Amino acid sequence: MRFALLNGQRVEATPGALGVCPGCNADVVARCGTKKVWHWAHKGRRHCDHWWENETEWHRDWKNRFVIDWQEVPARDETGELHIADIKTSYGLVIEFQHSAIKPDEVKRRTSFYGQVIWIIDGTRRPSDMTQYERMLSENYPERFDGVDIYTVYCEETRLLKEWGSLGKIVGFDFGGENLCMLTAAQGRSRYLFDFPKVEFARLISEGRPLPVVQFAEPTQRSYRRRRRF
């Protein structure tokens, strides 16, 4: 957890500091070691959000692309259970950054709870994911549309697509570098896949502007035929 409450103000962890969890009002202590990013931890028990995962530098770097008021926004479901969104904009869009392994049922529950959500996945956690991704693109020719190379892919082609392709939401795979690999939320077996600058992604989200329309295009609107090299 990046922020705790101290005298009613949201503050980051500093050595020796004490604070209060903004979600459950429990006491938290600052963890400021050398192996993990500085963070707040609950005293004597696990995090109050059951969907929480250990935060890495990757999480923190992504959060820093957005204003502080949008970071770690708590909300409760109909049962009263607490959930803390990585990013929740002032207009209701949630962005979840996922590094660790996660069960499909949990992904569905979180997606259903947040509704308007974009998932950003750390594609560097498993080295084989990048290899599969590059091989898949090498076996396809992209179509050029509005200055963007767009690939038509199918959910069974790589492990990441199997895990995230049927979610019905926009998903960004982060393999490092300056671009996200964006996967559309189109229906059916096919999806559109294309690179999109991280800086531009964060800017459009921050300004409340829509992402490029191609991300929401239906497969029937334009025929992107998959062609293999022989």
Protein backbone atom coordinates (compact mmCIF):
# COMPACT_ATOMS: atom_id res chain seq x y z
CA MET A 1 0.00 0.00 0.00
CA ARG A 2 1.49 3.31 -1.07
CA PHE A 3 -0.62 5.72 1.00
CA ALA A 4 -1.78 5.81 4.60
CA LEU A 5 -3.58 8.50 6.56
CA LEU A 6 -1.64 10.66 8.99
CA ASN A 7 -3.53 13.48 10.68
CA GLY A 8 -6.18 13.08 8.00
CA GLN A 9 -3.73 13.46 5.11
CA ARG A 10 -2.63 10.82 2.62
CA VAL A 11 1.12 10.27 3.03
CA GLU A 12 3.72 7.86 1.70
CA ALA A 13 5.79 5.56 3.87
CA THR A 14 8.90 6.94 5.55
CA PRO A 15 11.21 5.12 7.98
CA GLY A 16 9.65 4.65 11.41
CA ALA A 17 6.33 6.25 10.52
CA LEU A 18 2.92 5.08 11.75
CA GLY A 19 -0.39 5.68 10.02
CA VAL A 20 -3.95 4.52 9.48
CA CYS A 21 -5.26 2.46 6.58
CA PRO A 22 -7.62 4.63 4.47
CA GLY A 23 -9.73 1.57 3.70
CA CYS A 24 -10.33 -0.08 7.07
CA ASN A 25 -8.94 2.46 9.60
CA ALA A 26 -6.56 -0.10 11.08
CA ASP A 27 -3.08 0.86 12.21
CA VAL A 28 -0.35 0.48 9.59
CA VAL A 29 3.43 0.72 9.83
CA ALA A 30 5.95 1.95 7.29
CA ARG A 31 8.10 -0.72 5.65
CA CYS A 32 11.16 0.97 4.25
CA GLY A 33 13.70 -1.70 3.43
CA THR A 34 16.09 -2.17 0.53
CA LYS A 35 14.49 -5.13 -1.26
CA LYS A 36 10.95 -3.86 -1.81
CA VAL A 37 9.47 -0.49 -2.64
CA TRP A 38 8.66 1.52 0.48
CA HIS A 39 5.09 0.82 1.53
CA TRP A 40 2.62 0.64 4.39
CA ALA A 41 1.67 -2.69 5.98
CA HIS A 42 -1.07 -3.64 8.41
CA LYS A 43 -0.01 -4.58 11.92
CA GLY A 44 -0.16 -8.29 12.63
CA ARG A 45 -2.48 -9.30 9.78
CA ARG A 46 -2.86 -9.49 6.06
CA HIS A 47 -3.99 -6.64 3.85
CA CYS A 48 -7.66 -5.71 4.29
CA ASP A 49 -8.28 -6.00 0.53
CA HIS A 50 -8.47 -9.68 -0.48
CA TRP A 51 -7.52 -8.71 -4.05
CA TRP A 52 -4.30 -7.05 -2.98
CA GLU A 53 -0.91 -8.20 -4.28
CA ASN A 54 2.61 -7.20 -3.33
CA GLU A 55 3.46 -3.93 -5.02
CA THR A 56 6.57 -3.84 -7.20
CA GLU A 57 8.50 -1.02 -8.82
CA TRP A 58 6.51 -1.88 -11.96
CA HIS A 59 3.25 -1.09 -10.15
CA ARG A 60 4.66 2.11 -8.70
CA ASP A 61 6.00 3.31 -12.05
CA TRP A 62 2.59 2.86 -13.64
CA LYS A 63 0.75 4.57 -10.79
CA ASN A 64 3.10 7.53 -11.04
CA ARG A 65 1.77 8.24 -14.53
CA PHE A 66 -1.47 9.43 -12.94
CA VAL A 67 -2.42 12.01 -10.34
CA ILE A 68 -2.16 10.98 -6.70
CA ASP A 69 -5.88 11.47 -6.02
CA TRP A 70 -6.65 8.66 -8.50
CA GLN A 71 -4.27 6.19 -6.88
CA GLU A 72 -5.43 3.47 -4.44
CA VAL A 73 -9.09 4.44 -4.29
CA PRO A 74 -11.10 2.27 -1.82
CA ALA A 75 -14.67 1.07 -2.36
CA ARG A 76 -16.89 -1.62 -0.87
CA ASP A 77 -19.05 -4.16 -2.63
CA GLU A 78 -22.66 -5.03 -1.74
CA THR A 79 -21.45 -7.32 1.07
CA GLY A 80 -19.29 -4.61 2.59
CA GLU A 81 -16.01 -6.19 1.48
CA LEU A 82 -13.28 -3.66 0.78
CA HIS A 83 -11.49 -3.36 -2.57
CA ILE A 84 -8.84 -0.82 -3.50
CA ALA A 85 -8.49 0.15 -7.17
CA ASP A 86 -4.96 0.79 -8.39
CA ILE A 87 -6.26 3.76 -10.38
CA LYS A 88 -9.77 5.16 -10.40
CA THR A 89 -10.30 8.29 -12.43
CA SER A 90 -12.63 11.12 -11.54
CA TYR A 91 -14.97 9.87 -14.28
CA GLY A 92 -15.15 6.30 -12.97
CA LEU A 93 -12.68 4.38 -15.14
CA VAL A 94 -10.58 1.88 -13.19
CA ILE A 95 -7.14 0.68 -14.28
CA GLU A 96 -5.76 -2.44 -12.65
CA PHE A 97 -2.06 -3.33 -12.91
CA GLN A 98 -1.45 -7.06 -12.60
CA HIS A 99 2.01 -8.51 -12.07
CA SER A 100 1.53 -11.77 -10.19
CA ALA A 101 -0.42 -14.86 -11.22
CA ILE A 102 -4.17 -14.53 -10.75
CA LYS A 103 -7.02 -17.02 -10.98
CA PRO A 104 -9.58 -16.52 -13.77
CA ASP A 105 -12.47 -16.43 -11.28
CA GLU A 106 -10.85 -13.57 -9.42
CA VAL A 107 -10.30 -11.65 -12.66
CA LYS A 108 -14.00 -12.03 -13.48
CA ARG A 109 -15.07 -10.92 -10.00
CA ARG A 110 -12.88 -7.85 -10.09
CA THR A 111 -13.95 -6.98 -13.62
CA SER A 112 -17.62 -7.36 -12.70
CA PHE A 113 -17.17 -5.22 -9.58
CA TYR A 114 -15.39 -2.37 -11.33
CA GLY A 115 -17.36 -2.55 -14.58
CA GLN A 116 -15.52 0.15 -16.51
CA VAL A 117 -11.99 -1.23 -16.25
CA ILE A 118 -8.80 -1.60 -18.28
CA TRP A 119 -6.28 -4.24 -17.26
CA ILE A 120 -2.54 -3.71 -17.69
CA ILE A 121 -0.53 -6.94 -17.45
CA ASP A 122 3.18 -7.28 -16.75
CA GLY A 123 4.33 -9.31 -19.74
CA THR A 124 7.87 -9.69 -18.40
CA ARG A 125 6.98 -11.92 -15.43
CA ARG A 126 7.26 -15.09 -17.53
CA PRO A 127 10.07 -15.00 -20.15
CA SER A 128 8.15 -17.38 -22.40
CA ASP A 129 5.31 -14.86 -22.85
CA MET A 130 7.51 -12.48 -24.82
CA THR A 131 8.83 -15.35 -26.93
CA GLN A 132 5.31 -16.52 -27.75
CA TYR A 133 4.19 -12.99 -28.53
CA GLU A 134 7.07 -12.33 -30.91
CA ARG A 135 6.56 -15.67 -32.66
CA MET A 136 2.85 -14.97 -33.12
CA LEU A 137 3.53 -11.60 -34.73
CA SER A 138 6.18 -13.09 -37.01
CA GLU A 139 3.56 -15.49 -38.39
CA ASN A 140 1.11 -12.70 -39.25
CA TYR A 141 1.05 -9.72 -41.56
CA PRO A 142 -0.45 -6.56 -40.05
CA GLU A 143 -2.97 -4.33 -41.77
CA ARG A 144 -2.27 -0.60 -41.79
CA PHE A 145 -5.16 1.47 -40.47
CA ASP A 146 -4.98 5.15 -39.47
CA GLY A 147 -1.19 4.89 -39.30
CA VAL A 148 -1.23 1.88 -36.96
CA ASP A 149 -0.14 -1.71 -37.71
CA ILE A 150 -3.01 -3.89 -36.55
CA TYR A 151 -2.81 -7.66 -36.17
CA THR A 152 -5.79 -9.99 -36.09
CA VAL A 153 -5.14 -12.64 -33.45
CA TYR A 154 -7.10 -15.39 -31.73
CA CYS A 155 -7.43 -16.22 -28.07
CA GLU A 156 -5.79 -19.64 -28.36
CA GLU A 157 -2.55 -18.40 -29.96
CA THR A 158 -0.53 -17.62 -26.83
CA ARG A 159 -0.81 -18.23 -23.11
CA LEU A 160 -1.48 -14.54 -22.41
CA LEU A 161 -4.27 -14.47 -24.97
CA LYS A 162 -5.78 -17.61 -23.46
CA GLU A 163 -5.73 -15.99 -20.04
CA TRP A 164 -6.97 -12.53 -21.00
CA GLY A 165 -8.44 -12.64 -24.51
CA SER A 166 -11.93 -13.76 -23.51
CA LEU A 167 -12.38 -11.15 -20.77
CA GLY A 168 -14.35 -8.77 -22.99
CA LYS A 169 -12.35 -5.73 -21.84
CA ILE A 170 -9.41 -3.80 -23.24
CA VAL A 171 -6.15 -5.31 -21.99
CA GLY A 172 -2.65 -3.89 -22.30
CA PHE A 173 0.39 -6.18 -22.18
CA ASP A 174 3.53 -4.43 -20.96
CA PHE A 175 6.65 -6.12 -22.30
CA GLY A 176 8.87 -3.21 -21.34
CA GLY A 177 9.90 -0.39 -23.61
CA GLU A 178 7.84 2.62 -24.57
CA ASN A 179 4.73 0.89 -25.94
CA LEU A 180 1.85 -1.16 -24.64
CA CYS A 181 0.62 -4.09 -26.69
CA MET A 182 -3.10 -3.30 -26.73
CA LEU A 183 -5.72 -6.02 -27.12
CA THR A 184 -9.22 -4.95 -28.10
CA ALA A 185 -12.45 -5.91 -26.45
CA ALA A 186 -14.03 -7.09 -29.72
CA GLN A 187 -16.47 -9.97 -29.56
CA GLY A 188 -16.04 -13.40 -31.12
CA ARG A 189 -12.80 -15.37 -31.44
CA SER A 190 -10.70 -12.67 -33.07
CA ARG A 191 -9.09 -9.65 -31.44
CA TYR A 192 -7.15 -6.69 -32.75
CA LEU A 193 -3.63 -6.30 -31.38
CA PHE A 194 -1.41 -3.25 -31.85
CA ASP A 195 1.28 -1.17 -30.17
CA PHE A 196 0.28 2.04 -28.44
CA PRO A 197 2.65 4.47 -26.66
CA LYS A 198 2.43 4.36 -22.87
CA VAL A 199 2.80 8.12 -22.66
CA GLU A 200 -0.13 8.61 -25.02
CA PHE A 201 -2.22 6.05 -23.14
CA ALA A 202 -1.67 7.85 -19.83
CA ARG A 203 -2.30 11.25 -21.41
CA LEU A 204 -5.65 10.26 -22.93
CA ILE A 205 -6.79 8.62 -19.69
CA SER A 206 -5.69 11.64 -17.64
CA GLU A 207 -7.52 14.05 -19.94
CA GLY A 208 -10.66 11.93 -19.95
CA ARG A 209 -10.42 11.47 -23.70
CA PRO A 210 -11.37 8.24 -25.49
CA LEU A 211 -8.74 5.80 -26.62
CA PRO A 212 -8.42 5.31 -30.41
CA VAL A 213 -11.63 4.00 -31.92
CA VAL A 214 -9.85 0.96 -33.32
CA GLN A 215 -9.71 -0.41 -29.78
CA PHE A 216 -13.49 -0.60 -29.74
CA ALA A 217 -14.08 -1.65 -33.35
CA GLU A 218 -16.14 -4.73 -34.08
CA PRO A 219 -14.61 -7.35 -36.40
CA THR A 220 -17.47 -6.80 -38.87
CA GLN A 221 -16.56 -3.15 -39.38
CA ARG A 222 -13.34 -3.94 -41.20
CA SER A 223 -11.89 -7.20 -42.43
CA TYR A 224 -8.40 -7.82 -41.12
CA ARG A 225 -7.49 -11.17 -42.61
CA ARG A 226 -4.83 -13.27 -40.96
CA ARG A 227 -2.10 -14.30 -43.38
CA ARG A 228 0.67 -16.71 -42.52
CA ARG A 229 4.12 -16.82 -44.05
CA PHE A 230 5.11 -20.06 -45.71
